[in-house]
Amino acid sequence: MNPSRRRADATENRARIIEAARAAVAEAAEPKLNAIAKRAGVGQGTLYRHFPTRAELLAEVYRRDVEELIVAAPELLAEYPPVEALARWFDRVAEYARVKRGVFAAVEVAVWRDLSAHSLGPIGDAVTTLLEAGQANGTIRADVDARDVIILIGYLSRLGEDEWDARARHLLDIVLNGVRRRE
């Protein structure tokens, strides 16, 4: 096999492993690495070559979700009016928060503190981008900032698994309505 094809295979395997781990974390608090490897269609050796420890794999899942949230803000604004873009971004936040809870439950305290500290700034920047667009066109209140929104959506980490489906999106809708400018 030529070297560039090997690199492409390794890249594809890595992406499948991360996606399988993300799905496993969303489904179970303690995802099993052998189940993740099977779901990704790779052997355990391949999984361990990419991610020597469970913490490294789960940290990568978390980083990937943060990256996707950050990239989504300007993309959504390019396609939708600011309030709708924020609403669609909140939909993604709900999925991110579900995975974040699973990752943080499965890794050591020091790892999740580090992950959280490194994601707060970039996520705040994404929220600021969305809010400023709505403030510029008059659809979002001028007195709302990213810190307000991050504090309000922080409740997602407090929802129990049994109430997640019934409450997460509903509560995000309440936050969205709270940041809208009233006529």
Protein backbone atom coordinates (compact mmCIF):
# COMPACT_ATOMS: atom_id res chain seq x y z
CA MET A 1 0.00 0.00 0.00
CA ASN A 2 1.39 3.40 -0.87
CA PRO A 3 2.22 5.79 2.00
CA SER A 4 -0.37 8.43 1.09
CA ARG A 5 -3.14 5.80 1.08
CA ARG A 6 -1.95 4.57 4.48
CA ARG A 7 -2.16 8.14 5.82
CA ALA A 8 -5.66 8.52 4.36
CA ASP A 9 -6.72 5.24 5.99
CA ALA A 10 -5.29 6.37 9.33
CA THR A 11 -7.11 9.70 9.06
CA GLU A 12 -10.38 7.93 8.22
CA ASN A 13 -9.91 5.48 11.09
CA ARG A 14 -9.25 8.32 13.52
CA ALA A 15 -12.37 10.19 12.40
CA ARG A 16 -14.50 7.03 12.71
CA ILE A 17 -13.12 6.34 16.18
CA ILE A 18 -13.92 9.88 17.34
CA GLU A 19 -17.44 9.72 15.92
CA ALA A 20 -18.05 6.30 17.46
CA ALA A 21 -16.77 7.56 20.81
CA ARG A 22 -19.00 10.62 20.58
CA ALA A 23 -22.05 8.44 19.97
CA ALA A 24 -21.05 6.08 22.78
CA VAL A 25 -20.61 8.95 25.24
CA ALA A 26 -24.03 10.33 24.33
CA GLU A 27 -25.56 6.91 25.05
CA ALA A 28 -23.68 5.78 28.16
CA ALA A 29 -21.85 7.41 31.03
CA GLU A 30 -19.06 4.81 30.88
CA PRO A 31 -18.44 3.91 27.24
CA LYS A 32 -16.33 0.80 26.73
CA LEU A 33 -13.31 1.12 24.46
CA ASN A 34 -13.85 -2.29 22.85
CA ALA A 35 -17.42 -1.26 21.95
CA ILE A 36 -16.12 2.01 20.49
CA ALA A 37 -13.55 0.14 18.37
CA LYS A 38 -16.24 -2.26 17.13
CA ARG A 39 -18.64 0.59 16.36
CA ALA A 40 -15.88 2.39 14.42
CA GLY A 41 -15.07 -0.77 12.48
CA VAL A 42 -11.47 -0.92 13.70
CA GLY A 43 -9.50 -3.25 15.90
CA GLN A 44 -8.52 -2.34 19.44
CA GLY A 45 -4.89 -1.99 18.34
CA THR A 46 -5.90 0.70 15.85
CA LEU A 47 -7.89 2.51 18.51
CA TYR A 48 -4.96 2.43 20.95
CA ARG A 49 -2.49 3.60 18.27
CA HIS A 50 -4.59 6.73 17.82
CA PHE A 51 -5.63 7.15 21.45
CA PRO A 52 -3.39 5.39 24.00
CA THR A 53 -5.79 6.19 26.83
CA ARG A 54 -9.50 6.57 27.27
CA ALA A 55 -8.98 10.11 28.59
CA GLU A 56 -7.14 11.09 25.40
CA LEU A 57 -9.97 9.76 23.24
CA LEU A 58 -12.69 11.48 25.25
CA ALA A 59 -10.73 14.73 25.37
CA GLU A 60 -10.51 14.64 21.57
CA VAL A 61 -14.27 14.08 21.32
CA TYR A 62 -14.79 17.12 23.51
CA ARG A 63 -12.30 19.27 21.57
CA ARG A 64 -13.92 18.29 18.28
CA ASP A 65 -17.36 19.32 19.56
CA VAL A 66 -16.03 22.67 20.80
CA GLU A 67 -14.39 23.26 17.43
CA GLU A 68 -17.64 22.48 15.62
CA LEU A 69 -19.57 24.91 17.84
CA ILE A 70 -17.08 27.67 17.16
CA VAL A 71 -17.10 27.14 13.40
CA ALA A 72 -20.91 26.91 13.35
CA ALA A 73 -21.54 30.47 14.60
CA PRO A 74 -20.37 32.39 11.50
CA GLU A 75 -21.67 29.67 9.18
CA LEU A 76 -25.15 29.92 10.68
CA LEU A 77 -25.06 33.72 10.49
CA ALA A 78 -24.20 33.51 6.80
CA GLU A 79 -27.31 31.42 6.21
CA TYR A 80 -29.91 32.70 8.74
CA PRO A 81 -31.02 35.92 10.43
CA PRO A 82 -29.27 36.36 13.82
CA VAL A 83 -32.04 35.12 16.11
CA GLU A 84 -32.62 32.02 13.99
CA ALA A 85 -28.86 31.45 13.77
CA LEU A 86 -28.66 31.64 17.57
CA ALA A 87 -31.59 29.22 17.90
CA ARG A 88 -29.91 26.73 15.56
CA TRP A 89 -26.63 27.19 17.43
CA PHE A 90 -28.49 26.41 20.67
CA ASP A 91 -29.68 23.14 19.08
CA ARG A 92 -26.03 22.24 18.60
CA VAL A 93 -25.25 23.36 22.16
CA ALA A 94 -27.81 20.87 23.47
CA GLU A 95 -26.00 18.00 21.72
CA TYR A 96 -22.61 19.36 22.81
CA ALA A 97 -23.76 19.59 26.43
CA ARG A 98 -25.00 16.00 26.41
CA VAL A 99 -21.62 14.78 25.16
CA LYS A 100 -19.75 17.15 27.49
CA ARG A 101 -21.55 15.65 30.49
CA GLY A 102 -20.53 12.17 29.38
CA VAL A 103 -16.92 13.16 28.77
CA PHE A 104 -16.61 14.96 32.08
CA ALA A 105 -18.18 12.02 33.91
CA ALA A 106 -15.66 9.64 32.35
CA VAL A 107 -12.38 11.53 32.75
CA GLU A 108 -10.39 12.65 35.77
CA VAL A 109 -11.13 16.01 37.36
CA ALA A 110 -7.82 17.53 36.22
CA VAL A 111 -8.54 16.58 32.59
CA TRP A 112 -12.05 18.05 32.53
CA ARG A 113 -10.92 21.25 34.24
CA ASP A 114 -8.26 21.71 31.57
CA LEU A 115 -10.71 20.98 28.75
CA SER A 116 -13.30 23.34 30.19
CA ALA A 117 -10.78 26.15 30.72
CA HIS A 118 -9.56 25.92 27.13
CA SER A 119 -13.04 25.89 25.59
CA LEU A 120 -14.69 28.73 27.48
CA GLY A 121 -12.94 31.55 25.60
CA PRO A 122 -13.57 30.24 22.07
CA ILE A 123 -17.19 29.38 22.88
CA GLY A 124 -17.63 32.86 24.36
CA ASP A 125 -16.26 34.31 21.13
CA ALA A 126 -18.80 32.29 19.11
CA VAL A 127 -21.66 33.50 21.34
CA THR A 128 -20.40 37.09 21.01
CA THR A 129 -20.42 36.76 17.21
CA LEU A 130 -24.05 35.61 17.27
CA LEU A 131 -25.18 38.22 19.81
CA GLU A 132 -23.45 41.13 18.09
CA ALA A 133 -25.12 40.27 14.77
CA GLY A 134 -28.53 40.32 16.46
CA GLN A 135 -27.73 43.50 18.36
CA ALA A 136 -26.63 45.16 15.12
CA ASN A 137 -29.96 44.39 13.43
CA GLY A 138 -32.00 45.14 16.56
CA THR A 139 -33.34 41.63 17.24
CA ILE A 140 -31.24 40.86 20.32
CA ARG A 141 -31.16 42.96 23.48
CA ALA A 142 -28.21 45.32 23.76
CA ASP A 143 -27.67 44.49 27.45
CA VAL A 144 -26.92 40.79 26.86
CA ASP A 145 -23.36 39.53 26.52
CA ALA A 146 -21.70 36.16 26.02
CA ARG A 147 -21.07 35.66 29.73
CA ASP A 148 -24.80 36.02 30.43
CA VAL A 149 -25.63 33.36 27.86
CA ILE A 150 -22.89 30.97 29.00
CA ILE A 151 -24.06 31.23 32.62
CA LEU A 152 -27.66 30.58 31.56
CA ILE A 153 -26.86 27.59 29.38
CA GLY A 154 -24.61 26.16 32.08
CA TYR A 155 -27.74 24.61 33.62
CA LEU A 156 -27.55 21.89 30.95
CA SER A 157 -24.85 20.20 32.99
CA ARG A 158 -27.30 19.92 35.89
CA LEU A 159 -30.06 18.10 34.01
CA GLY A 160 -30.46 14.46 34.88
CA GLU A 161 -30.42 11.92 32.07
CA ASP A 162 -34.08 11.12 32.77
CA GLU A 163 -35.13 14.72 32.13
CA TRP A 164 -32.73 15.60 29.31
CA ASP A 165 -35.02 15.00 26.33
CA ALA A 166 -37.98 16.74 27.93
CA ARG A 167 -36.17 19.83 29.21
CA ALA A 168 -32.90 20.69 27.42
CA ARG A 169 -34.29 22.22 24.24
CA HIS A 170 -37.25 23.76 26.06
CA LEU A 171 -34.93 25.56 28.46
CA LEU A 172 -32.69 26.74 25.61
CA ASP A 173 -35.82 28.17 23.97
CA ILE A 174 -36.54 30.11 27.16
CA VAL A 175 -32.98 31.52 27.07
CA LEU A 176 -33.43 32.44 23.40
CA ASN A 177 -36.68 34.26 24.13
CA GLY A 178 -34.99 36.05 27.01
CA VAL A 179 -32.25 37.51 24.80
CA ARG A 180 -34.64 38.69 22.09
CA ARG A 181 -35.31 42.40 21.95
CA ARG A 182 -38.92 43.24 22.73
CA GLU A 183 -40.69 45.95 20.81
